[in-house]
Amino acid sequence: MLIDAALAGLGIALVLKTLVNEDLASGKMVALFQELPLANAYHFVCLPSRLALPRVAAFRQWLIDEVRP
């Protein structure tokens, strides 16, 4: 349901890459950052049209700051 909501433009999704590989390959979604150095990494994805939203950029930066050593 989370992925479906992101595809509908309702927000972003923090998911395993394997769950959205096809959506990423087709351009339906974009990864907001590359894989993080985690054993069981998750990926932050959203619609390409949402990348420029300040709240998306702020959340992305906060998330990066939280997971980096």
PDB file of N, CA and C in Angstrom:
ATOM      1  N   MET A   1       0.826  -1.187   0.000  1.00  0.00           N
ATOM      2  CA  MET A   1       0.000   0.000   0.000  1.00  0.00           C
ATOM      3  C   MET A   1       0.872   1.252   0.000  1.00  0.00           C
ATOM      4  N   LEU A   2       1.999   1.182   0.667  1.00  0.00           N
ATOM      5  CA  LEU A   2       2.899   2.328   0.711  1.00  0.00           C
ATOM      6  C   LEU A   2       3.411   2.675  -0.682  1.00  0.00           C
ATOM      7  N   ILE A   3       3.826   1.672  -1.430  1.00  0.00           N
ATOM      8  CA  ILE A   3       4.317   1.894  -2.792  1.00  0.00           C
ATOM      9  C   ILE A   3       3.199   2.431  -3.674  1.00  0.00           C
ATOM     10  N   ASP A   4       2.016   1.873  -3.561  1.00  0.00           N
ATOM     11  CA  ASP A   4       0.874   2.355  -4.336  1.00  0.00           C
ATOM     12  C   ASP A   4       0.571   3.819  -4.018  1.00  0.00           C
ATOM     13  N   ALA A   5       0.669   4.195  -2.753  1.00  0.00           N
ATOM     14  CA  ALA A   5       0.424   5.584  -2.364  1.00  0.00           C
ATOM     15  C   ALA A   5       1.476   6.509  -2.980  1.00  0.00           C
ATOM     16  N   ALA A   6       2.727   6.094  -2.961  1.00  0.00           N
ATOM     17  CA  ALA A   6       3.784   6.911  -3.575  1.00  0.00           C
ATOM     18  C   ALA A   6       3.564   7.035  -5.078  1.00  0.00           C
ATOM     19  N   LEU A   7       3.184   5.947  -5.724  1.00  0.00           N
ATOM     20  CA  LEU A   7       2.910   5.992  -7.162  1.00  0.00           C
ATOM     21  C   LEU A   7       1.725   6.895  -7.493  1.00  0.00           C
ATOM     22  N   ALA A   8       0.808   7.019  -6.567  1.00  0.00           N
ATOM     23  CA  ALA A   8      -0.352   7.885  -6.761  1.00  0.00           C
ATOM     24  C   ALA A   8      -0.031   9.346  -6.462  1.00  0.00           C
ATOM     25  N   GLY A   9       1.216   9.609  -6.059  1.00  0.00           N
ATOM     26  CA  GLY A   9       1.621  10.978  -5.782  1.00  0.00           C
ATOM     27  C   GLY A   9       1.256  11.476  -4.406  1.00  0.00           C
ATOM     28  N   LEU A  10       0.963  10.554  -3.483  1.00  0.00           N
ATOM     29  CA  LEU A  10       0.541  10.941  -2.145  1.00  0.00           C
ATOM     30  C   LEU A  10       1.689  11.155  -1.177  1.00  0.00           C
ATOM     31  N   GLY A  11       2.919  10.901  -1.614  1.00  0.00           N
ATOM     32  CA  GLY A  11       4.060  11.092  -0.729  1.00  0.00           C
ATOM     33  C   GLY A  11       5.251  10.295  -1.191  1.00  0.00           C
ATOM     34  N   ILE A  12       6.125  10.034  -0.267  1.00  0.00           N
ATOM     35  CA  ILE A  12       7.348   9.290  -0.548  1.00  0.00           C
ATOM     36  C   ILE A  12       7.261   7.921   0.113  1.00  0.00           C
ATOM     37  N   ALA A  13       8.190   7.042  -0.247  1.00  0.00           N
ATOM     38  CA  ALA A  13       8.202   5.710   0.354  1.00  0.00           C
ATOM     39  C   ALA A  13       9.635   5.319   0.683  1.00  0.00           C
ATOM     40  N   LEU A  14       9.830   4.752   1.829  1.00  0.00           N
ATOM     41  CA  LEU A  14      11.113   4.215   2.242  1.00  0.00           C
ATOM     42  C   LEU A  14      10.963   2.701   2.192  1.00  0.00           C
ATOM     43  N   VAL A  15      11.523   2.078   1.139  1.00  0.00           N
ATOM     44  CA  VAL A  15      11.255   0.666   0.867  1.00  0.00           C
ATOM     45  C   VAL A  15      12.511  -0.073   0.419  1.00  0.00           C
ATOM     46  N   LEU A  16      12.440  -1.385   0.457  1.00  0.00           N
ATOM     47  CA  LEU A  16      13.502  -2.196  -0.111  1.00  0.00           C
ATOM     48  C   LEU A  16      13.533  -1.994  -1.620  1.00  0.00           C
ATOM     49  N   LYS A  17      14.720  -1.832  -2.168  1.00  0.00           N
ATOM     50  CA  LYS A  17      14.860  -1.562  -3.598  1.00  0.00           C
ATOM     51  C   LYS A  17      14.232  -2.663  -4.447  1.00  0.00           C
ATOM     52  N   THR A  18      14.348  -3.903  -4.005  1.00  0.00           N
ATOM     53  CA  THR A  18      13.803  -5.009  -4.781  1.00  0.00           C
ATOM     54  C   THR A  18      12.293  -4.881  -5.001  1.00  0.00           C
ATOM     55  N   LEU A  19      11.621  -4.143  -4.142  1.00  0.00           N
ATOM     56  CA  LEU A  19      10.177  -3.962  -4.278  1.00  0.00           C
ATOM     57  C   LEU A  19       9.808  -2.925  -5.335  1.00  0.00           C
ATOM     58  N   VAL A  20      10.763  -2.071  -5.712  1.00  0.00           N
ATOM     59  CA  VAL A  20      10.461  -0.998  -6.665  1.00  0.00           C
ATOM     60  C   VAL A  20      11.404  -0.977  -7.864  1.00  0.00           C
ATOM     61  N   ASN A  21      12.179  -2.029  -8.077  1.00  0.00           N
ATOM     62  CA  ASN A  21      13.121  -2.061  -9.196  1.00  0.00           C
ATOM     63  C   ASN A  21      12.453  -1.734 -10.529  1.00  0.00           C
ATOM     64  N   GLU A  22      11.299  -2.328 -10.801  1.00  0.00           N
ATOM     65  CA  GLU A  22      10.608  -2.077 -12.077  1.00  0.00           C
ATOM     66  C   GLU A  22      10.146  -0.625 -12.180  1.00  0.00           C
ATOM     67  N   ASP A  23       9.631  -0.077 -11.088  1.00  0.00           N
ATOM     68  CA  ASP A  23       9.183   1.315 -11.097  1.00  0.00           C
ATOM     69  C   ASP A  23      10.362   2.270 -11.284  1.00  0.00           C
ATOM     70  N   LEU A  24      11.502   1.941 -10.709  1.00  0.00           N
ATOM     71  CA  LEU A  24      12.694   2.759 -10.904  1.00  0.00           C
ATOM     72  C   LEU A  24      13.191   2.657 -12.343  1.00  0.00           C
ATOM     73  N   ALA A  25      13.226   1.458 -12.876  1.00  0.00           N
ATOM     74  CA  ALA A  25      13.704   1.245 -14.251  1.00  0.00           C
ATOM     75  C   ALA A  25      12.809   1.933 -15.275  1.00  0.00           C
ATOM     76  N   SER A  26      11.505   1.966 -15.015  1.00  0.00           N
ATOM     77  CA  SER A  26      10.564   2.575 -15.961  1.00  0.00           C
ATOM     78  C   SER A  26      10.489   4.092 -15.818  1.00  0.00           C
ATOM     79  N   GLY A  27      11.053   4.624 -14.744  1.00  0.00           N
ATOM     80  CA  GLY A  27      10.983   6.067 -14.516  1.00  0.00           C
ATOM     81  C   GLY A  27       9.750   6.511 -13.760  1.00  0.00           C
ATOM     82  N   LYS A  28       8.904   5.555 -13.340  1.00  0.00           N
ATOM     83  CA  LYS A  28       7.713   5.911 -12.564  1.00  0.00           C
ATOM     84  C   LYS A  28       8.101   6.498 -11.213  1.00  0.00           C
ATOM     85  N   MET A  29       9.233   6.033 -10.681  1.00  0.00           N
ATOM     86  CA  MET A  29       9.769   6.521  -9.407  1.00  0.00           C
ATOM     87  C   MET A  29      11.237   6.839  -9.601  1.00  0.00           C
ATOM     88  N   VAL A  30      11.744   7.663  -8.711  1.00  0.00           N
ATOM     89  CA  VAL A  30      13.179   7.958  -8.702  1.00  0.00           C
ATOM     90  C   VAL A  30      13.712   7.721  -7.298  1.00  0.00           C
ATOM     91  N   ALA A  31      14.942   7.264  -7.227  1.00  0.00           N
ATOM     92  CA  ALA A  31      15.610   7.097  -5.939  1.00  0.00           C
ATOM     93  C   ALA A  31      16.187   8.455  -5.546  1.00  0.00           C
ATOM     94  N   LEU A  32      15.935   8.876  -4.326  1.00  0.00           N
ATOM     95  CA  LEU A  32      16.407  10.187  -3.900  1.00  0.00           C
ATOM     96  C   LEU A  32      17.856  10.166  -3.437  1.00  0.00           C
ATOM     97  N   PHE A  33      18.387   9.001  -3.173  1.00  0.00           N
ATOM     98  CA  PHE A  33      19.814   8.885  -2.919  1.00  0.00           C
ATOM     99  C   PHE A  33      20.235   7.466  -3.227  1.00  0.00           C
ATOM    100  N   GLN A  34      21.524   7.300  -3.432  1.00  0.00           N
ATOM    101  CA  GLN A  34      22.056   5.981  -3.741  1.00  0.00           C
ATOM    102  C   GLN A  34      22.003   5.105  -2.495  1.00  0.00           C
ATOM    103  N   GLU A  35      22.283   3.839  -2.698  1.00  0.00           N
ATOM    104  CA  GLU A  35      22.265   2.912  -1.574  1.00  0.00           C
ATOM    105  C   GLU A  35      23.148   3.393  -0.446  1.00  0.00           C
ATOM    106  N   LEU A  36      22.630   3.282   0.738  1.00  0.00           N
ATOM    107  CA  LEU A  36      23.409   3.631   1.915  1.00  0.00           C
ATOM    108  C   LEU A  36      24.192   2.397   2.361  1.00  0.00           C
ATOM    109  N   PRO A  37      25.314   2.606   3.005  1.00  0.00           N
ATOM    110  CA  PRO A  37      26.145   1.469   3.423  1.00  0.00           C
ATOM    111  C   PRO A  37      25.558   0.710   4.607  1.00  0.00           C
ATOM    112  N   LEU A  38      24.437   0.067   4.378  1.00  0.00           N
ATOM    113  CA  LEU A  38      23.768  -0.718   5.411  1.00  0.00           C
ATOM    114  C   LEU A  38      23.602  -2.143   4.907  1.00  0.00           C
ATOM    115  N   ALA A  39      23.680  -3.088   5.805  1.00  0.00           N
ATOM    116  CA  ALA A  39      23.533  -4.485   5.408  1.00  0.00           C
ATOM    117  C   ALA A  39      22.156  -4.745   4.791  1.00  0.00           C
ATOM    118  N   ASN A  40      21.130  -4.210   5.384  1.00  0.00           N
ATOM    119  CA  ASN A  40      19.760  -4.379   4.887  1.00  0.00           C
ATOM    120  C   ASN A  40      19.214  -3.008   4.509  1.00  0.00           C
ATOM    121  N   ALA A  41      19.688  -2.477   3.403  1.00  0.00           N
ATOM    122  CA  ALA A  41      19.364  -1.104   3.018  1.00  0.00           C
ATOM    123  C   ALA A  41      17.913  -0.944   2.569  1.00  0.00           C
ATOM    124  N   TYR A  42      17.380   0.218   2.832  1.00  0.00           N
ATOM    125  CA  TYR A  42      16.100   0.653   2.317  1.00  0.00           C
ATOM    126  C   TYR A  42      16.370   1.791   1.351  1.00  0.00           C
ATOM    127  N   HIS A  43      15.396   2.116   0.513  1.00  0.00           N
ATOM    128  CA  HIS A  43      15.559   3.174  -0.466  1.00  0.00           C
ATOM    129  C   HIS A  43      14.415   4.147  -0.362  1.00  0.00           C
ATOM    130  N   PHE A  44      14.749   5.396  -0.426  1.00  0.00           N
ATOM    131  CA  PHE A  44      13.797   6.491  -0.348  1.00  0.00           C
ATOM    132  C   PHE A  44      13.423   6.846  -1.775  1.00  0.00           C
ATOM    133  N   VAL A  45      12.183   6.655  -2.144  1.00  0.00           N
ATOM    134  CA  VAL A  45      11.753   6.898  -3.521  1.00  0.00           C
ATOM    135  C   VAL A  45      10.518   7.790  -3.546  1.00  0.00           C
ATOM    136  N   CYS A  46      10.350   8.505  -4.657  1.00  0.00           N
ATOM    137  CA  CYS A  46       9.167   9.335  -4.825  1.00  0.00           C
ATOM    138  C   CYS A  46       8.953   9.587  -6.309  1.00  0.00           C
ATOM    139  N   LEU A  47       7.841  10.211  -6.632  1.00  0.00           N
ATOM    140  CA  LEU A  47       7.588  10.595  -8.004  1.00  0.00           C
ATOM    141  C   LEU A  47       8.607  11.655  -8.421  1.00  0.00           C
ATOM    142  N   PRO A  48       9.093  11.608  -9.657  1.00  0.00           N
ATOM    143  CA  PRO A  48      10.056  12.616 -10.111  1.00  0.00           C
ATOM    144  C   PRO A  48       9.557  14.052  -9.908  1.00  0.00           C
ATOM    145  N   SER A  49       8.267  14.259 -10.050  1.00  0.00           N
ATOM    146  CA  SER A  49       7.706  15.605  -9.897  1.00  0.00           C
ATOM    147  C   SER A  49       7.769  16.129  -8.466  1.00  0.00           C
ATOM    148  N   ARG A  50       8.021  15.261  -7.509  1.00  0.00           N
ATOM    149  CA  ARG A  50       8.068  15.667  -6.093  1.00  0.00           C
ATOM    150  C   ARG A  50       9.468  16.019  -5.619  1.00  0.00           C
ATOM    151  N   LEU A  51      10.497  15.763  -6.424  1.00  0.00           N
ATOM    152  CA  LEU A  51      11.881  15.986  -6.010  1.00  0.00           C
ATOM    153  C   LEU A  51      12.158  17.420  -5.571  1.00  0.00           C
ATOM    154  N   ALA A  52      11.549  18.379  -6.225  1.00  0.00           N
ATOM    155  CA  ALA A  52      11.836  19.783  -5.950  1.00  0.00           C
ATOM    156  C   ALA A  52      11.069  20.346  -4.752  1.00  0.00           C
ATOM    157  N   LEU A  53      10.171  19.591  -4.188  1.00  0.00           N
ATOM    158  CA  LEU A  53       9.409  20.092  -3.037  1.00  0.00           C
ATOM    159  C   LEU A  53      10.328  20.281  -1.835  1.00  0.00           C
ATOM    160  N   PRO A  54      10.283  21.430  -1.194  1.00  0.00           N
ATOM    161  CA  PRO A  54      11.157  21.684  -0.042  1.00  0.00           C
ATOM    162  C   PRO A  54      10.994  20.651   1.073  1.00  0.00           C
ATOM    163  N   ARG A  55       9.772  20.220   1.329  1.00  0.00           N
ATOM    164  CA  ARG A  55       9.580  19.243   2.415  1.00  0.00           C
ATOM    165  C   ARG A  55      10.195  17.888   2.074  1.00  0.00           C
ATOM    166  N   VAL A  56      10.203  17.519   0.799  1.00  0.00           N
ATOM    167  CA  VAL A  56      10.844  16.262   0.385  1.00  0.00           C
ATOM    168  C   VAL A  56      12.355  16.395   0.531  1.00  0.00           C
ATOM    169  N   ALA A  57      12.906  17.502   0.068  1.00  0.00           N
ATOM    170  CA  ALA A  57      14.352  17.737   0.184  1.00  0.00           C
ATOM    171  C   ALA A  57      14.784  17.765   1.646  1.00  0.00           C
ATOM    172  N   ALA A  58      14.002  18.411   2.498  1.00  0.00           N
ATOM    173  CA  ALA A  58      14.340  18.494   3.919  1.00  0.00           C
ATOM    174  C   ALA A  58      14.291  17.119   4.578  1.00  0.00           C
ATOM    175  N   PHE A  59      13.265  16.346   4.276  1.00  0.00           N
ATOM    176  CA  PHE A  59      13.159  15.006   4.856  1.00  0.00           C
ATOM    177  C   PHE A  59      14.295  14.115   4.367  1.00  0.00           C
ATOM    178  N   ARG A  60      14.621  14.211   3.078  1.00  0.00           N
ATOM    179  CA  ARG A  60      15.715  13.434   2.505  1.00  0.00           C
ATOM    180  C   ARG A  60      17.013  13.759   3.229  1.00  0.00           C
ATOM    181  N   GLN A  61      17.296  15.031   3.415  1.00  0.00           N
ATOM    182  CA  GLN A  61      18.547  15.422   4.085  1.00  0.00           C
ATOM    183  C   GLN A  61      18.566  14.953   5.535  1.00  0.00           C
ATOM    184  N   TRP A  62      17.445  15.079   6.228  1.00  0.00           N
ATOM    185  CA  TRP A  62      17.373  14.611   7.607  1.00  0.00           C
ATOM    186  C   TRP A  62      17.658  13.114   7.681  1.00  0.00           C
ATOM    187  N   LEU A  63      17.049  12.357   6.767  1.00  0.00           N
ATOM    188  CA  LEU A  63      17.239  10.915   6.761  1.00  0.00           C
ATOM    189  C   LEU A  63      18.703  10.556   6.509  1.00  0.00           C
ATOM    190  N   ILE A  64      19.330  11.204   5.549  1.00  0.00           N
ATOM    191  CA  ILE A  64      20.749  10.973   5.272  1.00  0.00           C
ATOM    192  C   ILE A  64      21.585  11.276   6.498  1.00  0.00           C
ATOM    193  N   ASP A  65      21.323  12.402   7.145  1.00  0.00           N
ATOM    194  CA  ASP A  65      22.078  12.790   8.343  1.00  0.00           C
ATOM    195  C   ASP A  65      21.910  11.771   9.463  1.00  0.00           C
ATOM    196  N   GLU A  66      20.729  11.182   9.572  1.00  0.00           N
ATOM    197  CA  GLU A  66      20.469  10.217  10.640  1.00  0.00           C
ATOM    198  C   GLU A  66      21.161   8.868  10.426  1.00  0.00           C
ATOM    199  N   VAL A  67      21.314   8.436   9.198  1.00  0.00           N
ATOM    200  CA  VAL A  67      21.855   7.093   8.960  1.00  0.00           C
ATOM    201  C   VAL A  67      23.361   7.068   8.706  1.00  0.00           C
ATOM    202  N   ARG A  68      23.939   8.186   8.388  1.00  0.00           N
ATOM    203  CA  ARG A  68      25.388   8.213   8.161  1.00  0.00           C
ATOM    204  C   ARG A  68      26.111   8.225   9.486  1.00  0.00           C
ATOM    205  N   PRO A  69      27.227   7.482   9.547  1.00  0.00           N
ATOM    206  CA  PRO A  69      27.996   7.452  10.807  1.00  0.00           C
ATOM    207  C   PRO A  69      28.633   8.779  11.133  1.00  0.00           C
TER     208      PRO A  69
END
